């Protein structure tokens, strides 16, 4: 499996709608961050489906190293010069 690319060292705030399913880019290669555009093909990394329970702002991980995919858990703060 290929290592994910760091798309951003900060999370992506997104207004989500209750009942909608979002496909978070786990590989970091998507041009439609934080969402999947199919760029993962051939990497061995697949997007993560996430369904919103309510209308709210959530923070999708941008560094692709979160321990709580697809949400930011602050891991980006430990990446240093990666």
PDB file of N, CA and C in Angstrom:
ATOM      1  N   UNK A   1       0.839  -1.183   0.000  1.00  0.00           N
ATOM      2  CA  UNK A   1       0.000   0.000   0.000  1.00  0.00           C
ATOM      3  C   UNK A   1       0.882   1.243   0.000  1.00  0.00           C
ATOM      4  N   UNK A   2       0.448   2.267  -0.685  1.00  0.00           N
ATOM      5  CA  UNK A   2       1.140   3.547  -0.798  1.00  0.00           C
ATOM      6  C   UNK A   2       0.835   4.410   0.424  1.00  0.00           C
ATOM      7  N   UNK A   3       1.798   5.206   0.828  1.00  0.00           N
ATOM      8  CA  UNK A   3       1.610   6.162   1.923  1.00  0.00           C
ATOM      9  C   UNK A   3       0.721   7.309   1.440  1.00  0.00           C
ATOM     10  N   UNK A   4      -0.247   7.760   2.263  1.00  0.00           N
ATOM     11  CA  UNK A   4      -1.077   8.892   1.845  1.00  0.00           C
ATOM     12  C   UNK A   4      -0.262  10.173   1.710  1.00  0.00           C
ATOM     13  N   UNK A   5      -0.670  11.019   0.793  1.00  0.00           N
ATOM     14  CA  UNK A   5      -0.075  12.338   0.597  1.00  0.00           C
ATOM     15  C   UNK A   5      -0.734  13.301   1.577  1.00  0.00           C
ATOM     16  N   UNK A   6       0.052  14.185   2.170  1.00  0.00           N
ATOM     17  CA  UNK A   6      -0.523  15.208   3.043  1.00  0.00           C
ATOM     18  C   UNK A   6      -1.142  16.273   2.147  1.00  0.00           C
ATOM     19  N   UNK A   7      -2.449  16.366   2.168  1.00  0.00           N
ATOM     20  CA  UNK A   7      -3.153  17.348   1.343  1.00  0.00           C
ATOM     21  C   UNK A   7      -3.111  18.729   1.986  1.00  0.00           C
ATOM     22  N   UNK A   8      -3.159  18.751   3.326  1.00  0.00           N
ATOM     23  CA  UNK A   8      -3.156  20.008   4.068  1.00  0.00           C
ATOM     24  C   UNK A   8      -2.724  19.718   5.503  1.00  0.00           C
ATOM     25  N   UNK A   9      -2.014  20.641   6.108  1.00  0.00           N
ATOM     26  CA  UNK A   9      -1.641  20.468   7.511  1.00  0.00           C
ATOM     27  C   UNK A   9      -2.655  21.129   8.443  1.00  0.00           C
ATOM     28  N   UNK A  10      -3.818  21.425   7.899  1.00  0.00           N
ATOM     29  CA  UNK A  10      -4.944  21.914   8.692  1.00  0.00           C
ATOM     30  C   UNK A  10      -6.191  21.168   8.229  1.00  0.00           C
ATOM     31  N   UNK A  11      -7.194  21.073   9.104  1.00  0.00           N
ATOM     32  CA  UNK A  11      -8.422  20.379   8.710  1.00  0.00           C
ATOM     33  C   UNK A  11      -9.247  21.202   7.728  1.00  0.00           C
ATOM     34  N   UNK A  12     -10.180  20.512   7.075  1.00  0.00           N
ATOM     35  CA  UNK A  12     -11.102  21.153   6.145  1.00  0.00           C
ATOM     36  C   UNK A  12     -12.455  21.322   6.834  1.00  0.00           C
ATOM     37  N   UNK A  13     -12.870  22.565   7.161  1.00  0.00           N
ATOM     38  CA  UNK A  13     -14.205  22.759   7.727  1.00  0.00           C
ATOM     39  C   UNK A  13     -15.246  22.642   6.612  1.00  0.00           C
ATOM     40  N   UNK A  14     -16.277  21.838   6.863  1.00  0.00           N
ATOM     41  CA  UNK A  14     -17.309  21.603   5.855  1.00  0.00           C
ATOM     42  C   UNK A  14     -18.684  21.663   6.519  1.00  0.00           C
ATOM     43  N   UNK A  15     -19.589  22.423   5.907  1.00  0.00           N
ATOM     44  CA  UNK A  15     -20.991  22.429   6.333  1.00  0.00           C
ATOM     45  C   UNK A  15     -21.636  21.180   5.750  1.00  0.00           C
ATOM     46  N   UNK A  16     -22.077  20.253   6.609  1.00  0.00           N
ATOM     47  CA  UNK A  16     -22.683  19.015   6.139  1.00  0.00           C
ATOM     48  C   UNK A  16     -24.190  19.034   6.385  1.00  0.00           C
ATOM     49  N   UNK A  17     -24.888  18.206   5.624  1.00  0.00           N
ATOM     50  CA  UNK A  17     -26.340  18.125   5.732  1.00  0.00           C
ATOM     51  C   UNK A  17     -26.748  16.770   6.277  1.00  0.00           C
ATOM     52  N   UNK A  18     -27.662  16.772   7.220  1.00  0.00           N
ATOM     53  CA  UNK A  18     -28.150  15.550   7.850  1.00  0.00           C
ATOM     54  C   UNK A  18     -28.590  14.535   6.807  1.00  0.00           C
ATOM     55  N   UNK A  19     -28.155  13.289   6.976  1.00  0.00           N
ATOM     56  CA  UNK A  19     -28.552  12.207   6.081  1.00  0.00           C
ATOM     57  C   UNK A  19     -27.695  12.053   4.839  1.00  0.00           C
ATOM     58  N   UNK A  20     -26.866  13.049   4.526  1.00  0.00           N
ATOM     59  CA  UNK A  20     -25.997  12.977   3.344  1.00  0.00           C
ATOM     60  C   UNK A  20     -24.760  12.134   3.647  1.00  0.00           C
ATOM     61  N   UNK A  21     -24.308  11.391   2.646  1.00  0.00           N
ATOM     62  CA  UNK A  21     -23.082  10.605   2.774  1.00  0.00           C
ATOM     63  C   UNK A  21     -21.970  11.319   2.031  1.00  0.00           C
ATOM     64  N   UNK A  22     -20.829  11.432   2.690  1.00  0.00           N
ATOM     65  CA  UNK A  22     -19.656  12.102   2.143  1.00  0.00           C
ATOM     66  C   UNK A  22     -18.532  11.071   2.034  1.00  0.00           C
ATOM     67  N   UNK A  23     -17.749  11.167   0.975  1.00  0.00           N
ATOM     68  CA  UNK A  23     -16.645  10.234   0.755  1.00  0.00           C
ATOM     69  C   UNK A  23     -15.327  10.985   0.893  1.00  0.00           C
ATOM     70  N   UNK A  24     -14.705  10.797   2.050  1.00  0.00           N
ATOM     71  CA  UNK A  24     -13.462  11.487   2.401  1.00  0.00           C
ATOM     72  C   UNK A  24     -12.287  10.856   1.676  1.00  0.00           C
ATOM     73  N   UNK A  25     -11.473  11.679   1.063  1.00  0.00           N
ATOM     74  CA  UNK A  25     -10.257  11.243   0.390  1.00  0.00           C
ATOM     75  C   UNK A  25      -9.241  10.816   1.446  1.00  0.00           C
ATOM     76  N   UNK A  26      -8.851   9.550   1.427  1.00  0.00           N
ATOM     77  CA  UNK A  26      -7.875   9.029   2.383  1.00  0.00           C
ATOM     78  C   UNK A  26      -6.460   9.021   1.808  1.00  0.00           C
ATOM     79  N   UNK A  27      -6.344   9.154   0.486  1.00  0.00           N
ATOM     80  CA  UNK A  27      -5.021   9.059  -0.153  1.00  0.00           C
ATOM     81  C   UNK A  27      -4.315  10.407  -0.253  1.00  0.00           C
ATOM     82  N   UNK A  28      -5.068  11.509  -0.202  1.00  0.00           N
ATOM     83  CA  UNK A  28      -4.495  12.844  -0.290  1.00  0.00           C
ATOM     84  C   UNK A  28      -4.280  13.344  -1.706  1.00  0.00           C
ATOM     85  N   UNK A  29      -4.635  12.539  -2.706  1.00  0.00           N
ATOM     86  CA  UNK A  29      -4.368  12.898  -4.098  1.00  0.00           C
ATOM     87  C   UNK A  29      -5.529  13.621  -4.799  1.00  0.00           C
ATOM     88  N   UNK A  30      -6.696  13.612  -4.210  1.00  0.00           N
ATOM     89  CA  UNK A  30      -7.871  14.211  -4.827  1.00  0.00           C
ATOM     90  C   UNK A  30      -7.685  15.710  -5.057  1.00  0.00           C
ATOM     91  N   UNK A  31      -8.171  16.193  -6.172  1.00  0.00           N
ATOM     92  CA  UNK A  31      -8.165  17.636  -6.467  1.00  0.00           C
ATOM     93  C   UNK A  31      -9.399  18.298  -5.867  1.00  0.00           C
ATOM     94  N   UNK A  32     -10.288  17.483  -5.267  1.00  0.00           N
ATOM     95  CA  UNK A  32     -11.545  17.964  -4.688  1.00  0.00           C
ATOM     96  C   UNK A  32     -11.524  17.787  -3.163  1.00  0.00           C
ATOM     97  N   UNK A  33     -10.400  18.111  -2.523  1.00  0.00           N
ATOM     98  CA  UNK A  33     -10.237  17.919  -1.079  1.00  0.00           C
ATOM     99  C   UNK A  33     -11.350  18.607  -0.297  1.00  0.00           C
ATOM    100  N   UNK A  34     -11.833  17.993   0.772  1.00  0.00           N
ATOM    101  CA  UNK A  34     -11.377  16.755   1.373  1.00  0.00           C
ATOM    102  C   UNK A  34     -12.068  15.507   0.815  1.00  0.00           C
ATOM    103  N   UNK A  35     -12.716  15.648  -0.318  1.00  0.00           N
ATOM    104  CA  UNK A  35     -13.512  14.545  -0.852  1.00  0.00           C
ATOM    105  C   UNK A  35     -12.821  13.805  -1.991  1.00  0.00           C
ATOM    106  N   UNK A  36     -13.228  12.584  -2.191  1.00  0.00           N
ATOM    107  CA  UNK A  36     -12.646  11.700  -3.196  1.00  0.00           C
ATOM    108  C   UNK A  36     -13.050  12.112  -4.604  1.00  0.00           C
ATOM    109  N   UNK A  37     -12.076  12.062  -5.524  1.00  0.00           N
ATOM    110  CA  UNK A  37     -12.364  12.281  -6.946  1.00  0.00           C
ATOM    111  C   UNK A  37     -11.896  11.095  -7.788  1.00  0.00           C
ATOM    112  N   UNK A  38     -11.530   9.987  -7.119  1.00  0.00           N
ATOM    113  CA  UNK A  38     -11.095   8.787  -7.826  1.00  0.00           C
ATOM    114  C   UNK A  38      -9.597   8.692  -8.029  1.00  0.00           C
ATOM    115  N   UNK A  39      -8.847   9.682  -7.558  1.00  0.00           N
ATOM    116  CA  UNK A  39      -7.393   9.700  -7.757  1.00  0.00           C
ATOM    117  C   UNK A  39      -6.662   8.584  -7.011  1.00  0.00           C
ATOM    118  N   UNK A  40      -7.353   7.907  -6.117  1.00  0.00           N
ATOM    119  CA  UNK A  40      -6.729   6.840  -5.328  1.00  0.00           C
ATOM    120  C   UNK A  40      -6.487   5.559  -6.123  1.00  0.00           C
ATOM    121  N   UNK A  41      -7.094   5.428  -7.279  1.00  0.00           N
ATOM    122  CA  UNK A  41      -6.976   4.188  -8.051  1.00  0.00           C
ATOM    123  C   UNK A  41      -5.517   3.775  -8.229  1.00  0.00           C
ATOM    124  N   UNK A  42      -5.230   2.530  -7.865  1.00  0.00           N
ATOM    125  CA  UNK A  42      -3.890   1.986  -7.975  1.00  0.00           C
ATOM    126  C   UNK A  42      -3.013   2.205  -6.748  1.00  0.00           C
ATOM    127  N   UNK A  43      -3.519   2.922  -5.739  1.00  0.00           N
ATOM    128  CA  UNK A  43      -2.716   3.198  -4.548  1.00  0.00           C
ATOM    129  C   UNK A  43      -2.913   2.165  -3.446  1.00  0.00           C
ATOM    130  N   UNK A  44      -4.017   1.427  -3.502  1.00  0.00           N
ATOM    131  CA  UNK A  44      -4.352   0.518  -2.416  1.00  0.00           C
ATOM    132  C   UNK A  44      -5.065   1.217  -1.273  1.00  0.00           C
ATOM    133  N   UNK A  45      -5.318   2.511  -1.433  1.00  0.00           N
ATOM    134  CA  UNK A  45      -6.026   3.303  -0.422  1.00  0.00           C
ATOM    135  C   UNK A  45      -7.424   3.592  -0.965  1.00  0.00           C
ATOM    136  N   UNK A  46      -8.430   3.452  -0.114  1.00  0.00           N
ATOM    137  CA  UNK A  46      -9.803   3.710  -0.556  1.00  0.00           C
ATOM    138  C   UNK A  46     -10.424   4.827   0.281  1.00  0.00           C
ATOM    139  N   UNK A  47     -11.404   5.531  -0.292  1.00  0.00           N
ATOM    140  CA  UNK A  47     -12.062   6.609   0.443  1.00  0.00           C
ATOM    141  C   UNK A  47     -12.877   6.054   1.612  1.00  0.00           C
ATOM    142  N   UNK A  48     -13.183   6.930   2.544  1.00  0.00           N
ATOM    143  CA  UNK A  48     -13.976   6.565   3.718  1.00  0.00           C
ATOM    144  C   UNK A  48     -15.344   7.224   3.599  1.00  0.00           C
ATOM    145  N   UNK A  49     -16.397   6.400   3.647  1.00  0.00           N
ATOM    146  CA  UNK A  49     -17.772   6.926   3.617  1.00  0.00           C
ATOM    147  C   UNK A  49     -18.149   7.384   5.024  1.00  0.00           C
ATOM    148  N   UNK A  50     -18.785   8.542   5.107  1.00  0.00           N
ATOM    149  CA  UNK A  50     -19.224   9.099   6.386  1.00  0.00           C
ATOM    150  C   UNK A  50     -20.580   9.753   6.181  1.00  0.00           C
ATOM    151  N   UNK A  51     -21.528   9.448   7.066  1.00  0.00           N
ATOM    152  CA  UNK A  51     -22.865  10.022   6.942  1.00  0.00           C
ATOM    153  C   UNK A  51     -23.113  11.026   8.058  1.00  0.00           C
ATOM    154  N   UNK A  52     -23.606  12.201   7.681  1.00  0.00           N
ATOM    155  CA  UNK A  52     -23.893  13.263   8.648  1.00  0.00           C
ATOM    156  C   UNK A  52     -25.166  12.949   9.420  1.00  0.00           C
ATOM    157  N   UNK A  53     -25.091  13.076  10.729  1.00  0.00           N
ATOM    158  CA  UNK A  53     -26.254  12.842  11.585  1.00  0.00           C
ATOM    159  C   UNK A  53     -27.122  14.093  11.691  1.00  0.00           C
ATOM    160  N   UNK A  54     -26.483  15.264  11.532  1.00  0.00           N
ATOM    161  CA  UNK A  54     -27.224  16.522  11.630  1.00  0.00           C
ATOM    162  C   UNK A  54     -26.542  17.587  10.793  1.00  0.00           C
ATOM    163  N   UNK A  55     -27.243  18.676  10.555  1.00  0.00           N
ATOM    164  CA  UNK A  55     -26.664  19.827   9.863  1.00  0.00           C
ATOM    165  C   UNK A  55     -25.695  20.507  10.826  1.00  0.00           C
ATOM    166  N   UNK A  56     -24.439  20.610  10.419  1.00  0.00           N
ATOM    167  CA  UNK A  56     -23.437  21.230  11.273  1.00  0.00           C
ATOM    168  C   UNK A  56     -22.143  21.429  10.494  1.00  0.00           C
ATOM    169  N   UNK A  57     -21.186  22.115  11.103  1.00  0.00           N
ATOM    170  CA  UNK A  57     -19.844  22.225  10.553  1.00  0.00           C
ATOM    171  C   UNK A  57     -19.000  21.134  11.185  1.00  0.00           C
ATOM    172  N   UNK A  58     -18.329  20.340  10.341  1.00  0.00           N
ATOM    173  CA  UNK A  58     -17.411  19.314  10.831  1.00  0.00           C
ATOM    174  C   UNK A  58     -16.037  19.586  10.233  1.00  0.00           C
ATOM    175  N   UNK A  59     -15.030  18.951  10.793  1.00  0.00           N
ATOM    176  CA  UNK A  59     -13.650  19.194  10.366  1.00  0.00           C
ATOM    177  C   UNK A  59     -13.034  17.893   9.862  1.00  0.00           C
ATOM    178  N   UNK A  60     -13.003  17.763   8.523  1.00  0.00           N
ATOM    179  CA  UNK A  60     -12.408  16.588   7.897  1.00  0.00           C
ATOM    180  C   UNK A  60     -10.888  16.718   7.930  1.00  0.00           C
ATOM    181  N   UNK A  61     -10.203  15.613   8.213  1.00  0.00           N
ATOM    182  CA  UNK A  61      -8.746  15.588   8.280  1.00  0.00           C
ATOM    183  C   UNK A  61      -8.137  15.974   6.933  1.00  0.00           C
ATOM    184  N   UNK A  62      -7.120  16.827   6.981  1.00  0.00           N
ATOM    185  CA  UNK A  62      -6.410  17.228   5.770  1.00  0.00           C
ATOM    186  C   UNK A  62      -5.061  16.545   5.627  1.00  0.00           C
ATOM    187  N   UNK A  63      -4.489  16.107   6.755  1.00  0.00           N
ATOM    188  CA  UNK A  63      -3.151  15.504   6.701  1.00  0.00           C
ATOM    189  C   UNK A  63      -3.195  14.018   6.358  1.00  0.00           C
ATOM    190  N   UNK A  64      -4.369  13.416   6.450  1.00  0.00           N
ATOM    191  CA  UNK A  64      -4.589  12.002   6.123  1.00  0.00           C
ATOM    192  C   UNK A  64      -3.900  11.060   7.103  1.00  0.00           C
ATOM    193  N   UNK A  65      -3.557  11.561   8.298  1.00  0.00           N
ATOM    194  CA  UNK A  65      -2.898  10.740   9.316  1.00  0.00           C
ATOM    195  C   UNK A  65      -3.758  10.575  10.571  1.00  0.00           C
ATOM    196  N   UNK A  66      -4.986  11.071  10.563  1.00  0.00           N
ATOM    197  CA  UNK A  66      -5.860  10.997  11.720  1.00  0.00           C
ATOM    198  C   UNK A  66      -6.046   9.559  12.217  1.00  0.00           C
ATOM    199  N   UNK A  67      -6.232   9.420  13.506  1.00  0.00           N
ATOM    200  CA  UNK A  67      -6.561   8.122  14.100  1.00  0.00           C
ATOM    201  C   UNK A  67      -8.068   7.951  14.211  1.00  0.00           C
ATOM    202  N   UNK A  68      -8.825   8.948  13.730  1.00  0.00           N
ATOM    203  CA  UNK A  68     -10.285   8.947  13.773  1.00  0.00           C
ATOM    204  C   UNK A  68     -10.867   9.296  12.409  1.00  0.00           C
ATOM    205  N   UNK A  69     -10.497   8.544  11.351  1.00  0.00           N
ATOM    206  CA  UNK A  69     -10.959   8.904  10.009  1.00  0.00           C
ATOM    207  C   UNK A  69     -12.485   8.922   9.920  1.00  0.00           C
ATOM    208  N   UNK A  70     -13.037   9.898   9.251  1.00  0.00           N
ATOM    209  CA  UNK A  70     -12.387  10.916   8.436  1.00  0.00           C
ATOM    210  C   UNK A  70     -12.184  12.248   9.157  1.00  0.00           C
ATOM    211  N   UNK A  71     -12.452  12.287  10.454  1.00  0.00           N
ATOM    212  CA  UNK A  71     -12.399  13.558  11.179  1.00  0.00           C
ATOM    213  C   UNK A  71     -11.009  13.889  11.703  1.00  0.00           C
ATOM    214  N   UNK A  72     -10.717  15.164  11.761  1.00  0.00           N
ATOM    215  CA  UNK A  72      -9.460  15.650  12.315  1.00  0.00           C
ATOM    216  C   UNK A  72      -9.399  15.320  13.797  1.00  0.00           C
ATOM    217  N   UNK A  73      -8.245  14.809  14.240  1.00  0.00           N
ATOM    218  CA  UNK A  73      -8.026  14.547  15.667  1.00  0.00           C
ATOM    219  C   UNK A  73      -6.819  15.314  16.187  1.00  0.00           C
ATOM    220  N   UNK A  74      -6.300  16.243  15.390  1.00  0.00           N
ATOM    221  CA  UNK A  74      -5.158  17.055  15.794  1.00  0.00           C
ATOM    222  C   UNK A  74      -3.805  16.469  15.448  1.00  0.00           C
ATOM    223  N   UNK A  75      -3.777  15.312  14.791  1.00  0.00           N
ATOM    224  CA  UNK A  75      -2.513  14.674  14.416  1.00  0.00           C
ATOM    225  C   UNK A  75      -1.625  15.605  13.604  1.00  0.00           C
ATOM    226  N   UNK A  76      -2.222  16.485  12.798  1.00  0.00           N
ATOM    227  CA  UNK A  76      -1.434  17.406  11.968  1.00  0.00           C
ATOM    228  C   UNK A  76      -0.463  18.248  12.780  1.00  0.00           C
ATOM    229  N   UNK A  77      -0.760  18.456  14.045  1.00  0.00           N
ATOM    230  CA  UNK A  77       0.104  19.280  14.906  1.00  0.00           C
ATOM    231  C   UNK A  77       1.425  18.570  15.226  1.00  0.00           C
ATOM    232  N   UNK A  78       1.493  17.256  14.980  1.00  0.00           N
ATOM    233  CA  UNK A  78       2.686  16.470  15.317  1.00  0.00           C
ATOM    234  C   UNK A  78       3.530  16.131  14.089  1.00  0.00           C
ATOM    235  N   UNK A  79       3.169  16.634  12.926  1.00  0.00           N
ATOM    236  CA  UNK A  79       3.828  16.221  11.694  1.00  0.00           C
ATOM    237  C   UNK A  79       5.160  16.912  11.421  1.00  0.00           C
ATOM    238  N   UNK A  80       5.420  18.008  12.044  1.00  0.00           N
ATOM    239  CA  UNK A  80       6.689  18.703  11.833  1.00  0.00           C
ATOM    240  C   UNK A  80       6.900  19.064  10.378  1.00  0.00           C
ATOM    241  N   UNK A  81       8.018  18.649   9.804  1.00  0.00           N
ATOM    242  CA  UNK A  81       8.383  19.018   8.439  1.00  0.00           C
ATOM    243  C   UNK A  81       7.979  18.001   7.383  1.00  0.00           C
ATOM    244  N   UNK A  82       7.111  17.081   7.695  1.00  0.00           N
ATOM    245  CA  UNK A  82       6.663  16.102   6.684  1.00  0.00           C
ATOM    246  C   UNK A  82       5.988  16.792   5.534  1.00  0.00           C
TER     247      UNK A  82
END
